[in-house]
Amino acid sequence: MKSKIILCIVLAALCLSTGLYGRAHEQPIYQQPVVEVEGVRFTIDPRIELFHTLEVLQGIPLVNFVEIEYKQHILSYFKTYKNLAIFDYLSKNPMYGGIFSTIDGPIWFLLHLTEDLEWRDDIPDFETFDPKVDSLRLLMQDFVAETKYEDFFNAQRAFYDISPIEFTL
């Protein structure tokens, strides 16, 4: 009996230590490329890329010839998700002139969110009191979950590795 108790304790300790080790060494959800030029670090922010993805899917015109192929890939990759609630919401509440009243509104909004699209608690609340803005945030979370957006983002590494380099040319 005593040996069974010791065996249970050892197994419990092993399970606990394995679980803690795995948590401490988890990979981040988004594999962000980093390019450093003269001490300045350039990265691709997954929150901003998510927002641009939604803009493309909502029909915001393609304006940059460098990324037309990438944006066409977005349209192709996410075409089966056009029935998600976020697109109905955005058709009734345009991003510009509706949810956001200024051109920099979306960027300020995104910078107030964590990577998992929760409100950051280390900076003052943005517009958490605004139901349109918070509804967009919640619908963006649903979009990420339904589409496995992080898989799409991480698969674009080759394009993202090139993009920051353009700043140095």
C-alpha atoms as a PDB file:
ATOM      1  CA  MET A   1       0.000   0.000   0.000  1.00  0.00           C
ATOM      2  CA  LYS A   2       2.813   2.349   0.944  1.00  0.00           C
ATOM      3  CA  SER A   3       4.522   1.766  -2.418  1.00  0.00           C
ATOM      4  CA  LYS A   4       1.279   2.636  -4.264  1.00  0.00           C
ATOM      5  CA  ILE A   5       1.046   5.948  -2.405  1.00  0.00           C
ATOM      6  CA  ILE A   6       4.669   6.758  -3.242  1.00  0.00           C
ATOM      7  CA  LEU A   7       4.071   5.799  -6.872  1.00  0.00           C
ATOM      8  CA  CYS A   8       1.002   8.082  -7.024  1.00  0.00           C
ATOM      9  CA  ILE A   9       2.989  10.972  -5.531  1.00  0.00           C
ATOM     10  CA  VAL A  10       5.831  10.473  -8.024  1.00  0.00           C
ATOM     11  CA  LEU A  11       3.412  10.289 -10.961  1.00  0.00           C
ATOM     12  CA  ALA A  12       1.564  13.403  -9.791  1.00  0.00           C
ATOM     13  CA  ALA A  13       4.869  15.281  -9.466  1.00  0.00           C
ATOM     14  CA  LEU A  14       5.902  14.185 -12.963  1.00  0.00           C
ATOM     15  CA  CYS A  15       2.594  15.265 -14.474  1.00  0.00           C
ATOM     16  CA  LEU A  16       2.739  18.616 -12.712  1.00  0.00           C
ATOM     17  CA  SER A  17       6.347  19.306 -13.719  1.00  0.00           C
ATOM     18  CA  THR A  18       5.670  18.322 -17.337  1.00  0.00           C
ATOM     19  CA  GLY A  19       2.652  20.621 -17.482  1.00  0.00           C
ATOM     20  CA  LEU A  20       4.576  23.532 -15.999  1.00  0.00           C
ATOM     21  CA  TYR A  21       7.505  22.953 -18.357  1.00  0.00           C
ATOM     22  CA  GLY A  22       5.176  22.967 -21.358  1.00  0.00           C
ATOM     23  CA  ARG A  23       3.538  26.225 -20.279  1.00  0.00           C
ATOM     24  CA  ALA A  24       6.865  27.915 -19.676  1.00  0.00           C
ATOM     25  CA  HIS A  25       8.097  26.934 -23.142  1.00  0.00           C
ATOM     26  CA  GLU A  26       4.981  27.524 -25.230  1.00  0.00           C
ATOM     27  CA  GLN A  27       5.512  29.210 -28.578  1.00  0.00           C
ATOM     28  CA  PRO A  28       3.746  32.534 -29.047  1.00  0.00           C
ATOM     29  CA  ILE A  29       0.553  32.260 -31.077  1.00  0.00           C
ATOM     30  CA  TYR A  30       1.868  34.637 -33.733  1.00  0.00           C
ATOM     31  CA  GLN A  31       5.354  34.106 -35.152  1.00  0.00           C
ATOM     32  CA  GLN A  32       6.295  37.722 -35.825  1.00  0.00           C
ATOM     33  CA  PRO A  33       9.241  38.419 -38.098  1.00  0.00           C
ATOM     34  CA  VAL A  34      11.689  40.994 -36.783  1.00  0.00           C
ATOM     35  CA  VAL A  35      14.062  43.043 -38.917  1.00  0.00           C
ATOM     36  CA  GLU A  36      16.533  45.316 -37.183  1.00  0.00           C
ATOM     37  CA  VAL A  37      18.097  48.226 -39.059  1.00  0.00           C
ATOM     38  CA  GLU A  38      20.538  50.531 -37.303  1.00  0.00           C
ATOM     39  CA  GLY A  39      19.074  49.669 -33.908  1.00  0.00           C
ATOM     40  CA  VAL A  40      15.445  50.106 -34.996  1.00  0.00           C
ATOM     41  CA  ARG A  41      13.283  46.970 -34.830  1.00  0.00           C
ATOM     42  CA  PHE A  42      10.586  46.482 -37.459  1.00  0.00           C
ATOM     43  CA  THR A  43       7.894  43.859 -36.900  1.00  0.00           C
ATOM     44  CA  ILE A  44       4.581  42.945 -38.461  1.00  0.00           C
ATOM     45  CA  ASP A  45       1.835  43.469 -35.886  1.00  0.00           C
ATOM     46  CA  PRO A  46      -0.755  40.656 -36.082  1.00  0.00           C
ATOM     47  CA  ARG A  47      -3.519  42.963 -34.780  1.00  0.00           C
ATOM     48  CA  ILE A  48      -2.944  45.442 -37.585  1.00  0.00           C
ATOM     49  CA  GLU A  49      -2.660  42.667 -40.180  1.00  0.00           C
ATOM     50  CA  LEU A  50      -5.957  41.233 -38.917  1.00  0.00           C
ATOM     51  CA  PHE A  51      -7.592  44.629 -39.331  1.00  0.00           C
ATOM     52  CA  HIS A  52      -6.160  44.974 -42.857  1.00  0.00           C
ATOM     53  CA  THR A  53      -7.461  41.493 -43.648  1.00  0.00           C
ATOM     54  CA  LEU A  54     -10.949  42.583 -42.596  1.00  0.00           C
ATOM     55  CA  GLU A  55     -10.604  45.750 -44.701  1.00  0.00           C
ATOM     56  CA  VAL A  56      -9.697  43.690 -47.764  1.00  0.00           C
ATOM     57  CA  LEU A  57     -12.587  41.288 -47.166  1.00  0.00           C
ATOM     58  CA  GLN A  58     -14.945  44.264 -46.779  1.00  0.00           C
ATOM     59  CA  GLY A  59     -13.900  45.576 -50.191  1.00  0.00           C
ATOM     60  CA  ILE A  60     -11.500  48.394 -49.315  1.00  0.00           C
ATOM     61  CA  PRO A  61      -9.666  48.948 -52.637  1.00  0.00           C
ATOM     62  CA  LEU A  62      -6.229  47.452 -53.200  1.00  0.00           C
ATOM     63  CA  VAL A  63      -3.887  50.442 -53.263  1.00  0.00           C
ATOM     64  CA  ASN A  64      -0.372  49.065 -53.004  1.00  0.00           C
ATOM     65  CA  PHE A  65       1.016  47.116 -55.951  1.00  0.00           C
ATOM     66  CA  VAL A  66       3.639  45.440 -53.756  1.00  0.00           C
ATOM     67  CA  GLU A  67       0.988  43.583 -51.809  1.00  0.00           C
ATOM     68  CA  ILE A  68      -1.690  42.952 -54.435  1.00  0.00           C
ATOM     69  CA  GLU A  69      -0.781  39.262 -54.664  1.00  0.00           C
ATOM     70  CA  TYR A  70      -0.921  39.021 -50.862  1.00  0.00           C
ATOM     71  CA  LYS A  71      -4.325  40.716 -50.723  1.00  0.00           C
ATOM     72  CA  GLN A  72      -5.636  38.450 -53.471  1.00  0.00           C
ATOM     73  CA  HIS A  73      -4.428  35.543 -51.354  1.00  0.00           C
ATOM     74  CA  ILE A  74      -6.429  36.973 -48.428  1.00  0.00           C
ATOM     75  CA  LEU A  75      -9.566  37.096 -50.596  1.00  0.00           C
ATOM     76  CA  SER A  76      -9.064  33.517 -51.730  1.00  0.00           C
ATOM     77  CA  TYR A  77      -8.130  32.092 -48.327  1.00  0.00           C
ATOM     78  CA  PHE A  78     -11.032  33.635 -46.399  1.00  0.00           C
ATOM     79  CA  LYS A  79     -13.787  33.488 -49.046  1.00  0.00           C
ATOM     80  CA  THR A  80     -15.571  30.650 -47.249  1.00  0.00           C
ATOM     81  CA  TYR A  81     -15.883  32.785 -44.113  1.00  0.00           C
ATOM     82  CA  LYS A  82     -17.814  35.690 -45.638  1.00  0.00           C
ATOM     83  CA  ASN A  83     -20.932  34.561 -43.749  1.00  0.00           C
ATOM     84  CA  LEU A  84     -19.431  35.287 -40.322  1.00  0.00           C
ATOM     85  CA  ALA A  85     -21.223  37.824 -38.144  1.00  0.00           C
ATOM     86  CA  ILE A  86     -18.430  40.389 -38.412  1.00  0.00           C
ATOM     87  CA  PHE A  87     -19.181  41.022 -42.090  1.00  0.00           C
ATOM     88  CA  ASP A  88     -22.867  41.629 -41.452  1.00  0.00           C
ATOM     89  CA  TYR A  89     -21.878  43.960 -38.624  1.00  0.00           C
ATOM     90  CA  LEU A  90     -19.397  45.865 -40.811  1.00  0.00           C
ATOM     91  CA  SER A  91     -21.922  46.208 -43.629  1.00  0.00           C
ATOM     92  CA  LYS A  92     -24.228  48.009 -41.178  1.00  0.00           C
ATOM     93  CA  ASN A  93     -21.442  49.866 -39.328  1.00  0.00           C
ATOM     94  CA  PRO A  94     -18.687  51.035 -41.679  1.00  0.00           C
ATOM     95  CA  MET A  95     -15.232  51.155 -40.129  1.00  0.00           C
ATOM     96  CA  TYR A  96     -14.556  54.680 -41.341  1.00  0.00           C
ATOM     97  CA  GLY A  97     -17.182  57.287 -40.573  1.00  0.00           C
ATOM     98  CA  GLY A  98     -19.160  54.745 -38.566  1.00  0.00           C
ATOM     99  CA  ILE A  99     -17.260  52.847 -35.901  1.00  0.00           C
ATOM    100  CA  PHE A 100     -14.270  55.194 -36.132  1.00  0.00           C
ATOM    101  CA  SER A 101     -14.595  58.910 -36.793  1.00  0.00           C
ATOM    102  CA  THR A 102     -10.915  59.549 -37.537  1.00  0.00           C
ATOM    103  CA  ILE A 103      -8.415  57.960 -39.905  1.00  0.00           C
ATOM    104  CA  ASP A 104      -6.160  56.953 -36.998  1.00  0.00           C
ATOM    105  CA  GLY A 105      -9.036  55.569 -34.916  1.00  0.00           C
ATOM    106  CA  PRO A 106      -8.440  51.943 -35.941  1.00  0.00           C
ATOM    107  CA  ILE A 107      -4.729  52.060 -35.088  1.00  0.00           C
ATOM    108  CA  TRP A 108      -5.385  53.597 -31.667  1.00  0.00           C
ATOM    109  CA  PHE A 109      -8.026  50.916 -31.091  1.00  0.00           C
ATOM    110  CA  LEU A 110      -5.672  48.087 -32.074  1.00  0.00           C
ATOM    111  CA  LEU A 111      -2.830  49.370 -29.915  1.00  0.00           C
ATOM    112  CA  HIS A 112      -5.156  49.257 -26.908  1.00  0.00           C
ATOM    113  CA  LEU A 113      -5.671  45.513 -27.425  1.00  0.00           C
ATOM    114  CA  THR A 114      -3.558  42.518 -26.518  1.00  0.00           C
ATOM    115  CA  GLU A 115      -2.663  39.967 -29.198  1.00  0.00           C
ATOM    116  CA  ASP A 116      -5.718  37.942 -28.171  1.00  0.00           C
ATOM    117  CA  LEU A 117      -7.863  41.074 -28.636  1.00  0.00           C
ATOM    118  CA  GLU A 118      -8.588  41.762 -24.984  1.00  0.00           C
ATOM    119  CA  TRP A 119      -8.421  45.311 -23.662  1.00  0.00           C
ATOM    120  CA  ARG A 120      -4.941  46.032 -22.322  1.00  0.00           C
ATOM    121  CA  ASP A 121      -4.876  46.897 -18.643  1.00  0.00           C
ATOM    122  CA  ASP A 122      -1.491  48.648 -18.720  1.00  0.00           C
ATOM    123  CA  ILE A 123      -2.812  51.710 -20.557  1.00  0.00           C
ATOM    124  CA  PRO A 124      -5.972  53.751 -20.041  1.00  0.00           C
ATOM    125  CA  ASP A 125      -9.141  52.431 -21.627  1.00  0.00           C
ATOM    126  CA  PHE A 126      -9.642  53.495 -25.213  1.00  0.00           C
ATOM    127  CA  GLU A 127     -13.326  53.343 -25.978  1.00  0.00           C
ATOM    128  CA  THR A 128     -14.394  50.279 -24.057  1.00  0.00           C
ATOM    129  CA  PHE A 129     -17.532  52.193 -23.211  1.00  0.00           C
ATOM    130  CA  ASP A 130     -18.424  52.495 -26.902  1.00  0.00           C
ATOM    131  CA  PRO A 131     -20.608  49.497 -27.779  1.00  0.00           C
ATOM    132  CA  LYS A 132     -19.736  49.736 -31.492  1.00  0.00           C
ATOM    133  CA  VAL A 133     -16.013  49.529 -30.809  1.00  0.00           C
ATOM    134  CA  ASP A 134     -16.329  46.744 -28.249  1.00  0.00           C
ATOM    135  CA  SER A 135     -18.686  44.807 -30.531  1.00  0.00           C
ATOM    136  CA  LEU A 136     -16.062  45.017 -33.276  1.00  0.00           C
ATOM    137  CA  ARG A 137     -13.435  43.702 -30.850  1.00  0.00           C
ATOM    138  CA  LEU A 138     -15.615  40.737 -29.851  1.00  0.00           C
ATOM    139  CA  LEU A 139     -16.464  39.955 -33.472  1.00  0.00           C
ATOM    140  CA  MET A 140     -12.769  40.112 -34.357  1.00  0.00           C
ATOM    141  CA  GLN A 141     -12.137  37.521 -31.627  1.00  0.00           C
ATOM    142  CA  ASP A 142     -14.817  35.304 -33.185  1.00  0.00           C
ATOM    143  CA  PHE A 143     -13.263  35.774 -36.643  1.00  0.00           C
ATOM    144  CA  VAL A 144      -9.834  34.744 -35.338  1.00  0.00           C
ATOM    145  CA  ALA A 145     -11.283  31.654 -33.633  1.00  0.00           C
ATOM    146  CA  GLU A 146     -13.485  30.561 -36.557  1.00  0.00           C
ATOM    147  CA  THR A 147     -10.845  31.062 -39.258  1.00  0.00           C
ATOM    148  CA  LYS A 148      -7.782  30.064 -37.225  1.00  0.00           C
ATOM    149  CA  TYR A 149      -6.337  33.390 -38.311  1.00  0.00           C
ATOM    150  CA  GLU A 150      -3.047  32.727 -36.515  1.00  0.00           C
ATOM    151  CA  ASP A 151      -2.375  29.848 -38.944  1.00  0.00           C
ATOM    152  CA  PHE A 152      -2.884  32.204 -41.890  1.00  0.00           C
ATOM    153  CA  PHE A 153      -0.674  34.885 -40.312  1.00  0.00           C
ATOM    154  CA  ASN A 154       2.127  32.444 -39.507  1.00  0.00           C
ATOM    155  CA  ALA A 155       1.985  30.949 -43.022  1.00  0.00           C
ATOM    156  CA  GLN A 156       2.727  34.396 -44.522  1.00  0.00           C
ATOM    157  CA  ARG A 157       6.213  34.531 -43.005  1.00  0.00           C
ATOM    158  CA  ALA A 158       8.005  34.827 -46.366  1.00  0.00           C
ATOM    159  CA  PHE A 159       5.962  37.900 -47.318  1.00  0.00           C
ATOM    160  CA  TYR A 160       6.261  39.420 -43.848  1.00  0.00           C
ATOM    161  CA  ASP A 161      10.037  38.901 -43.841  1.00  0.00           C
ATOM    162  CA  ILE A 162      10.300  40.991 -47.023  1.00  0.00           C
ATOM    163  CA  SER A 163       7.884  43.770 -46.008  1.00  0.00           C
ATOM    164  CA  PRO A 164       9.982  45.430 -43.257  1.00  0.00           C
ATOM    165  CA  ILE A 165      13.058  45.336 -45.499  1.00  0.00           C
ATOM    166  CA  GLU A 166      11.252  47.701 -47.890  1.00  0.00           C
ATOM    167  CA  PHE A 167      11.650  50.411 -45.245  1.00  0.00           C
ATOM    168  CA  THR A 168      15.412  50.164 -45.591  1.00  0.00           C
ATOM    169  CA  LEU A 169      15.644  50.511 -49.369  1.00  0.00           C
END
